[in-house]
Amino acid sequence: MNSKTIWGHRKVMSHDLKSFWEKEIEKQSMEHQTENARRDRSALSKLRKEWKQWMESRLDMVQCLQEEHKKQLYYREPGSKANAAA
């Protein structure tokens, strides 16, 4: 074997290896894009968004009710039954 054959063989092997990894990367990229597209079409994200909106509105309502309740307890008008009993 002469040196040209050895180096030529290594060049072919490195080219094959490079093309193998380029194909693998391309395949993984396509799978990743397909998965993202599937996830975007999924109803789960829409359900999560609706659930989050419902929970936020519920939290706002509860906080408003608590504030109104505190106002009723601590800010009674003079002459109310609670002040007359005290």
C-alpha atoms as a PDB file:
ATOM      1  CA  MET A   1       0.000   0.000   0.000  1.00  0.00           C
ATOM      2  CA  ASN A   2       1.324   3.383  -0.831  1.00  0.00           C
ATOM      3  CA  SER A   3       0.550   6.629   1.009  1.00  0.00           C
ATOM      4  CA  LYS A   4      -1.798   7.895  -1.716  1.00  0.00           C
ATOM      5  CA  THR A   5      -4.123   4.950  -1.208  1.00  0.00           C
ATOM      6  CA  ILE A   6      -4.172   5.377   2.573  1.00  0.00           C
ATOM      7  CA  TRP A   7      -4.827   9.128   2.453  1.00  0.00           C
ATOM      8  CA  GLY A   8      -7.346   8.760  -0.348  1.00  0.00           C
ATOM      9  CA  HIS A   9      -9.182   6.152   1.709  1.00  0.00           C
ATOM     10  CA  ARG A  10      -9.273   8.454   4.749  1.00  0.00           C
ATOM     11  CA  LYS A  11     -10.602  11.284   2.613  1.00  0.00           C
ATOM     12  CA  VAL A  12     -13.428   9.065   1.373  1.00  0.00           C
ATOM     13  CA  MET A  13     -14.174   7.889   4.930  1.00  0.00           C
ATOM     14  CA  SER A  14     -14.277  11.449   6.266  1.00  0.00           C
ATOM     15  CA  HIS A  15     -16.580  12.488   3.416  1.00  0.00           C
ATOM     16  CA  ASP A  16     -18.861   9.522   4.149  1.00  0.00           C
ATOM     17  CA  LEU A  17     -18.866  10.360   7.849  1.00  0.00           C
ATOM     18  CA  LYS A  18     -19.630  14.009   7.149  1.00  0.00           C
ATOM     19  CA  SER A  19     -22.493  13.133   4.827  1.00  0.00           C
ATOM     20  CA  PHE A  20     -23.825  10.606   7.364  1.00  0.00           C
ATOM     21  CA  TRP A  21     -23.989  13.269  10.111  1.00  0.00           C
ATOM     22  CA  GLU A  22     -25.456  15.861   7.774  1.00  0.00           C
ATOM     23  CA  LYS A  23     -28.252  13.408   6.942  1.00  0.00           C
ATOM     24  CA  GLU A  24     -28.774  12.626  10.641  1.00  0.00           C
ATOM     25  CA  ILE A  25     -28.977  16.326  11.513  1.00  0.00           C
ATOM     26  CA  GLU A  26     -31.417  16.923   8.667  1.00  0.00           C
ATOM     27  CA  LYS A  27     -33.552  13.983   9.811  1.00  0.00           C
ATOM     28  CA  GLN A  28     -33.593  15.225  13.412  1.00  0.00           C
ATOM     29  CA  SER A  29     -34.492  18.747  12.261  1.00  0.00           C
ATOM     30  CA  MET A  30     -37.413  17.425  10.242  1.00  0.00           C
ATOM     31  CA  GLU A  31     -38.650  15.333  13.172  1.00  0.00           C
ATOM     32  CA  HIS A  32     -38.381  18.379  15.444  1.00  0.00           C
ATOM     33  CA  GLN A  33     -40.385  20.525  13.002  1.00  0.00           C
ATOM     34  CA  THR A  34     -43.003  17.806  12.640  1.00  0.00           C
ATOM     35  CA  GLU A  35     -43.353  17.516  16.417  1.00  0.00           C
ATOM     36  CA  ASN A  36     -43.689  21.296  16.813  1.00  0.00           C
ATOM     37  CA  ALA A  37     -46.357  21.402  14.113  1.00  0.00           C
ATOM     38  CA  ARG A  38     -48.248  18.549  15.784  1.00  0.00           C
ATOM     39  CA  ARG A  39     -48.064  20.299  19.147  1.00  0.00           C
ATOM     40  CA  ASP A  40     -49.312  23.568  17.623  1.00  0.00           C
ATOM     41  CA  ARG A  41     -52.340  21.769  16.179  1.00  0.00           C
ATOM     42  CA  SER A  42     -53.057  20.084  19.489  1.00  0.00           C
ATOM     43  CA  ALA A  43     -56.121  21.143  21.454  1.00  0.00           C
ATOM     44  CA  LEU A  44     -54.161  20.919  24.692  1.00  0.00           C
ATOM     45  CA  SER A  45     -52.581  24.353  24.326  1.00  0.00           C
ATOM     46  CA  LYS A  46     -56.014  25.895  23.643  1.00  0.00           C
ATOM     47  CA  LEU A  47     -57.461  24.147  26.702  1.00  0.00           C
ATOM     48  CA  ARG A  48     -54.593  25.355  28.879  1.00  0.00           C
ATOM     49  CA  LYS A  49     -55.102  28.931  27.685  1.00  0.00           C
ATOM     50  CA  GLU A  50     -58.852  28.783  28.375  1.00  0.00           C
ATOM     51  CA  TRP A  51     -58.260  27.219  31.803  1.00  0.00           C
ATOM     52  CA  LYS A  52     -55.734  29.911  32.700  1.00  0.00           C
ATOM     53  CA  GLN A  53     -58.185  32.664  31.683  1.00  0.00           C
ATOM     54  CA  TRP A  54     -60.944  31.044  33.729  1.00  0.00           C
ATOM     55  CA  MET A  55     -58.685  30.741  36.788  1.00  0.00           C
ATOM     56  CA  GLU A  56     -57.540  34.368  36.490  1.00  0.00           C
ATOM     57  CA  SER A  57     -61.118  35.630  36.254  1.00  0.00           C
ATOM     58  CA  ARG A  58     -62.105  33.438  39.215  1.00  0.00           C
ATOM     59  CA  LEU A  59     -59.190  34.797  41.253  1.00  0.00           C
ATOM     60  CA  ASP A  60     -60.182  38.386  40.413  1.00  0.00           C
ATOM     61  CA  MET A  61     -63.770  37.695  41.458  1.00  0.00           C
ATOM     62  CA  VAL A  62     -62.714  36.133  44.778  1.00  0.00           C
ATOM     63  CA  GLN A  63     -60.368  39.035  45.533  1.00  0.00           C
ATOM     64  CA  CYS A  64     -63.137  41.561  44.843  1.00  0.00           C
ATOM     65  CA  LEU A  65     -65.521  39.662  47.111  1.00  0.00           C
ATOM     66  CA  GLN A  66     -62.919  39.579  49.892  1.00  0.00           C
ATOM     67  CA  GLU A  67     -62.326  43.327  49.580  1.00  0.00           C
ATOM     68  CA  GLU A  68     -66.061  44.018  49.725  1.00  0.00           C
ATOM     69  CA  HIS A  69     -66.385  41.753  52.753  1.00  0.00           C
ATOM     70  CA  LYS A  70     -63.531  43.581  54.534  1.00  0.00           C
ATOM     71  CA  LYS A  71     -65.147  46.919  53.754  1.00  0.00           C
ATOM     72  CA  GLN A  72     -68.430  45.710  55.218  1.00  0.00           C
ATOM     73  CA  LEU A  73     -66.711  44.470  58.377  1.00  0.00           C
ATOM     74  CA  TYR A  74     -64.400  47.398  59.048  1.00  0.00           C
ATOM     75  CA  TYR A  75     -66.129  50.402  57.529  1.00  0.00           C
ATOM     76  CA  ARG A  76     -69.661  50.251  58.917  1.00  0.00           C
ATOM     77  CA  GLU A  77     -71.667  53.432  58.891  1.00  0.00           C
ATOM     78  CA  PRO A  78     -72.404  55.091  62.220  1.00  0.00           C
ATOM     79  CA  GLY A  79     -75.702  53.944  63.680  1.00  0.00           C
ATOM     80  CA  SER A  80     -75.554  50.464  62.169  1.00  0.00           C
ATOM     81  CA  LYS A  81     -76.611  47.465  64.268  1.00  0.00           C
ATOM     82  CA  ALA A  82     -72.995  46.322  64.757  1.00  0.00           C
ATOM     83  CA  ASN A  83     -71.994  49.664  66.311  1.00  0.00           C
ATOM     84  CA  ALA A  84     -75.160  49.830  68.451  1.00  0.00           C
ATOM     85  CA  ALA A  85     -74.420  46.418  69.991  1.00  0.00           C
ATOM     86  CA  ALA A  86     -70.887  47.478  70.964  1.00  0.00           C
END
